[in-house]
Amino acid sequence: MCLGIPGQLVEVLDVAEQRAIADVDGVRREINIGLVLGEAGGIKVGDWVLIHVGFALSKIDEEEAARTLSFIKELGSVYDDELSQFSESQPWVDEPVAAGDGDPATEPAAAAS
């Protein structure tokens, strides 16, 4: 079963690349925010979004996020399965990714050349 699961934005990494970090029940993950960028009020740290397969589908309020998480957790293994599938589709992020990470031009070896 594939569910949309609530997550709270903890960092917007790059608006142009539509990347942000969301916290889903204590676990952080990079998500795509392209589908919610145009919503009323924009998108910012602290906002709650409904996430499915790594994409924020819509903004939701904190009350709706709490109700949805509570309901999903009552489903027991369905919640555990969804969180597991979520983690397999893209690596979870323990700490925000700094701008430029992974860019060969900023790597120490490139600087020494």
C-alpha atoms as a PDB file:
ATOM      1  CA  MET A   1       0.000   0.000   0.000  1.00  0.00           C
ATOM      2  CA  CYS A   2       1.316   3.453  -0.836  1.00  0.00           C
ATOM      3  CA  LEU A   3       0.329   6.254   1.499  1.00  0.00           C
ATOM      4  CA  GLY A   4       0.963   9.957   1.648  1.00  0.00           C
ATOM      5  CA  ILE A   5       2.661  10.630   4.960  1.00  0.00           C
ATOM      6  CA  PRO A   6       2.939  13.982   6.792  1.00  0.00           C
ATOM      7  CA  GLY A   7       6.344  15.560   7.195  1.00  0.00           C
ATOM      8  CA  GLN A   8       7.530  18.925   8.468  1.00  0.00           C
ATOM      9  CA  LEU A   9      10.027  20.959   6.476  1.00  0.00           C
ATOM     10  CA  VAL A  10      13.178  21.555   8.518  1.00  0.00           C
ATOM     11  CA  GLU A  11      15.308  23.105   5.772  1.00  0.00           C
ATOM     12  CA  VAL A  12      14.858  24.371   2.238  1.00  0.00           C
ATOM     13  CA  LEU A  13      18.062  23.324   0.485  1.00  0.00           C
ATOM     14  CA  ASP A  14      17.568  24.901  -2.929  1.00  0.00           C
ATOM     15  CA  VAL A  15      14.362  26.480  -4.241  1.00  0.00           C
ATOM     16  CA  ALA A  16      15.635  26.474  -7.846  1.00  0.00           C
ATOM     17  CA  GLU A  17      16.287  22.722  -7.618  1.00  0.00           C
ATOM     18  CA  GLN A  18      13.079  22.211  -5.587  1.00  0.00           C
ATOM     19  CA  ARG A  19      14.923  20.401  -2.765  1.00  0.00           C
ATOM     20  CA  ALA A  20      14.187  20.458   0.956  1.00  0.00           C
ATOM     21  CA  ILE A  21      14.684  18.337   4.057  1.00  0.00           C
ATOM     22  CA  ALA A  22      11.560  17.026   5.777  1.00  0.00           C
ATOM     23  CA  ASP A  23      11.222  15.390   9.172  1.00  0.00           C
ATOM     24  CA  VAL A  24       8.880  12.405   9.141  1.00  0.00           C
ATOM     25  CA  ASP A  25       8.226  11.221  12.675  1.00  0.00           C
ATOM     26  CA  GLY A  26      11.810  11.935  13.744  1.00  0.00           C
ATOM     27  CA  VAL A  27      13.512  10.763  10.558  1.00  0.00           C
ATOM     28  CA  ARG A  28      14.887  13.342   8.106  1.00  0.00           C
ATOM     29  CA  ARG A  29      14.884  12.956   4.369  1.00  0.00           C
ATOM     30  CA  GLU A  30      15.472  15.041   1.293  1.00  0.00           C
ATOM     31  CA  ILE A  31      12.269  15.606  -0.687  1.00  0.00           C
ATOM     32  CA  ASN A  32      11.177  17.435  -3.823  1.00  0.00           C
ATOM     33  CA  ILE A  33       8.981  20.488  -3.112  1.00  0.00           C
ATOM     34  CA  GLY A  34       8.269  21.471  -6.727  1.00  0.00           C
ATOM     35  CA  LEU A  35       4.576  20.575  -6.543  1.00  0.00           C
ATOM     36  CA  VAL A  36       3.929  22.851  -3.536  1.00  0.00           C
ATOM     37  CA  LEU A  37       6.057  25.877  -4.389  1.00  0.00           C
ATOM     38  CA  GLY A  38       3.097  27.676  -5.961  1.00  0.00           C
ATOM     39  CA  GLU A  39       0.657  27.104  -3.085  1.00  0.00           C
ATOM     40  CA  ALA A  40      -0.819  30.069  -1.231  1.00  0.00           C
ATOM     41  CA  GLY A  41       1.699  31.556   1.176  1.00  0.00           C
ATOM     42  CA  GLY A  42       4.615  29.793  -0.496  1.00  0.00           C
ATOM     43  CA  ILE A  43       6.619  27.114   1.296  1.00  0.00           C
ATOM     44  CA  LYS A  44       8.913  27.636   4.269  1.00  0.00           C
ATOM     45  CA  VAL A  45      10.645  25.880   7.136  1.00  0.00           C
ATOM     46  CA  GLY A  46       8.078  24.715   9.673  1.00  0.00           C
ATOM     47  CA  ASP A  47       5.377  23.994   7.082  1.00  0.00           C
ATOM     48  CA  TRP A  48       3.742  20.580   7.036  1.00  0.00           C
ATOM     49  CA  VAL A  49       3.417  18.708   3.750  1.00  0.00           C
ATOM     50  CA  LEU A  50       1.911  15.439   2.627  1.00  0.00           C
ATOM     51  CA  ILE A  51       4.751  13.364   1.124  1.00  0.00           C
ATOM     52  CA  HIS A  52       4.494  10.468  -1.304  1.00  0.00           C
ATOM     53  CA  VAL A  53       7.503   8.730  -2.916  1.00  0.00           C
ATOM     54  CA  GLY A  54       9.789  11.646  -2.098  1.00  0.00           C
ATOM     55  CA  PHE A  55       7.513  14.428  -3.375  1.00  0.00           C
ATOM     56  CA  ALA A  56       5.593  16.944  -1.290  1.00  0.00           C
ATOM     57  CA  LEU A  57       2.101  16.698  -2.794  1.00  0.00           C
ATOM     58  CA  SER A  58       0.356  19.436  -0.817  1.00  0.00           C
ATOM     59  CA  LYS A  59       0.692  21.684   2.197  1.00  0.00           C
ATOM     60  CA  ILE A  60      -1.355  20.667   5.217  1.00  0.00           C
ATOM     61  CA  ASP A  61      -1.851  22.305   8.578  1.00  0.00           C
ATOM     62  CA  GLU A  62      -0.324  20.949  11.782  1.00  0.00           C
ATOM     63  CA  GLU A  63      -3.667  19.643  13.054  1.00  0.00           C
ATOM     64  CA  GLU A  64      -4.282  17.652   9.877  1.00  0.00           C
ATOM     65  CA  ALA A  65      -0.700  16.326  10.020  1.00  0.00           C
ATOM     66  CA  ALA A  66      -1.202  15.126  13.618  1.00  0.00           C
ATOM     67  CA  ARG A  67      -4.554  13.475  12.778  1.00  0.00           C
ATOM     68  CA  THR A  68      -3.119  11.768   9.712  1.00  0.00           C
ATOM     69  CA  LEU A  69      -0.029  10.475  11.544  1.00  0.00           C
ATOM     70  CA  SER A  70      -2.192   9.207  14.394  1.00  0.00           C
ATOM     71  CA  PHE A  71      -4.499   7.380  11.991  1.00  0.00           C
ATOM     72  CA  ILE A  72      -1.621   5.863  10.008  1.00  0.00           C
ATOM     73  CA  LYS A  73       0.104   4.694  13.210  1.00  0.00           C
ATOM     74  CA  GLU A  74      -3.135   2.958  14.276  1.00  0.00           C
ATOM     75  CA  LEU A  75      -2.835   0.855  11.129  1.00  0.00           C
ATOM     76  CA  GLY A  76       0.241  -0.753  12.732  1.00  0.00           C
ATOM     77  CA  SER A  77       2.376  -2.581  10.211  1.00  0.00           C
ATOM     78  CA  VAL A  78       1.038  -0.449   7.350  1.00  0.00           C
ATOM     79  CA  TYR A  79       2.787   2.581   8.875  1.00  0.00           C
ATOM     80  CA  ASP A  80       5.991   0.612   9.468  1.00  0.00           C
ATOM     81  CA  ASP A  81       5.897  -0.726   5.903  1.00  0.00           C
ATOM     82  CA  GLU A  82       5.329   2.746   4.463  1.00  0.00           C
ATOM     83  CA  LEU A  83       8.190   4.243   6.480  1.00  0.00           C
ATOM     84  CA  SER A  84      10.418   1.356   5.382  1.00  0.00           C
ATOM     85  CA  GLN A  85       9.534   1.839   1.707  1.00  0.00           C
ATOM     86  CA  PHE A  86      10.094   5.544   2.138  1.00  0.00           C
ATOM     87  CA  SER A  87      13.602   4.973   3.445  1.00  0.00           C
ATOM     88  CA  GLU A  88      14.471   2.545   0.644  1.00  0.00           C
ATOM     89  CA  SER A  89      13.473   4.876  -2.174  1.00  0.00           C
ATOM     90  CA  GLN A  90      16.068   7.516  -1.270  1.00  0.00           C
ATOM     91  CA  PRO A  91      18.702   7.743   1.472  1.00  0.00           C
ATOM     92  CA  TRP A  92      17.518   9.398   4.666  1.00  0.00           C
ATOM     93  CA  VAL A  93      19.482  12.445   5.636  1.00  0.00           C
ATOM     94  CA  ASP A  94      20.836  12.765   9.179  1.00  0.00           C
ATOM     95  CA  GLU A  95      22.141  16.280   8.653  1.00  0.00           C
ATOM     96  CA  PRO A  96      21.319  18.915   6.044  1.00  0.00           C
ATOM     97  CA  VAL A  97      23.475  18.805   2.931  1.00  0.00           C
ATOM     98  CA  ALA A  98      25.719  21.856   2.577  1.00  0.00           C
ATOM     99  CA  ALA A  99      25.629  23.782  -0.685  1.00  0.00           C
ATOM    100  CA  GLY A 100      28.325  22.559  -3.037  1.00  0.00           C
ATOM    101  CA  ASP A 101      28.717  19.110  -1.494  1.00  0.00           C
ATOM    102  CA  GLY A 102      29.496  16.576  -4.181  1.00  0.00           C
ATOM    103  CA  ASP A 103      30.635  19.252  -6.623  1.00  0.00           C
ATOM    104  CA  PRO A 104      34.008  18.139  -8.045  1.00  0.00           C
ATOM    105  CA  ALA A 105      35.152  21.774  -8.190  1.00  0.00           C
ATOM    106  CA  THR A 106      34.871  22.096  -4.400  1.00  0.00           C
ATOM    107  CA  GLU A 107      36.487  18.785  -3.515  1.00  0.00           C
ATOM    108  CA  PRO A 108      39.941  18.966  -1.860  1.00  0.00           C
ATOM    109  CA  ALA A 109      41.538  16.922  -4.675  1.00  0.00           C
ATOM    110  CA  ALA A 110      40.267  19.408  -7.264  1.00  0.00           C
ATOM    111  CA  ALA A 111      41.596  22.346  -5.286  1.00  0.00           C
ATOM    112  CA  ALA A 112      45.070  20.744  -5.060  1.00  0.00           C
ATOM    113  CA  SER A 113      45.294  20.175  -8.833  1.00  0.00           C
END
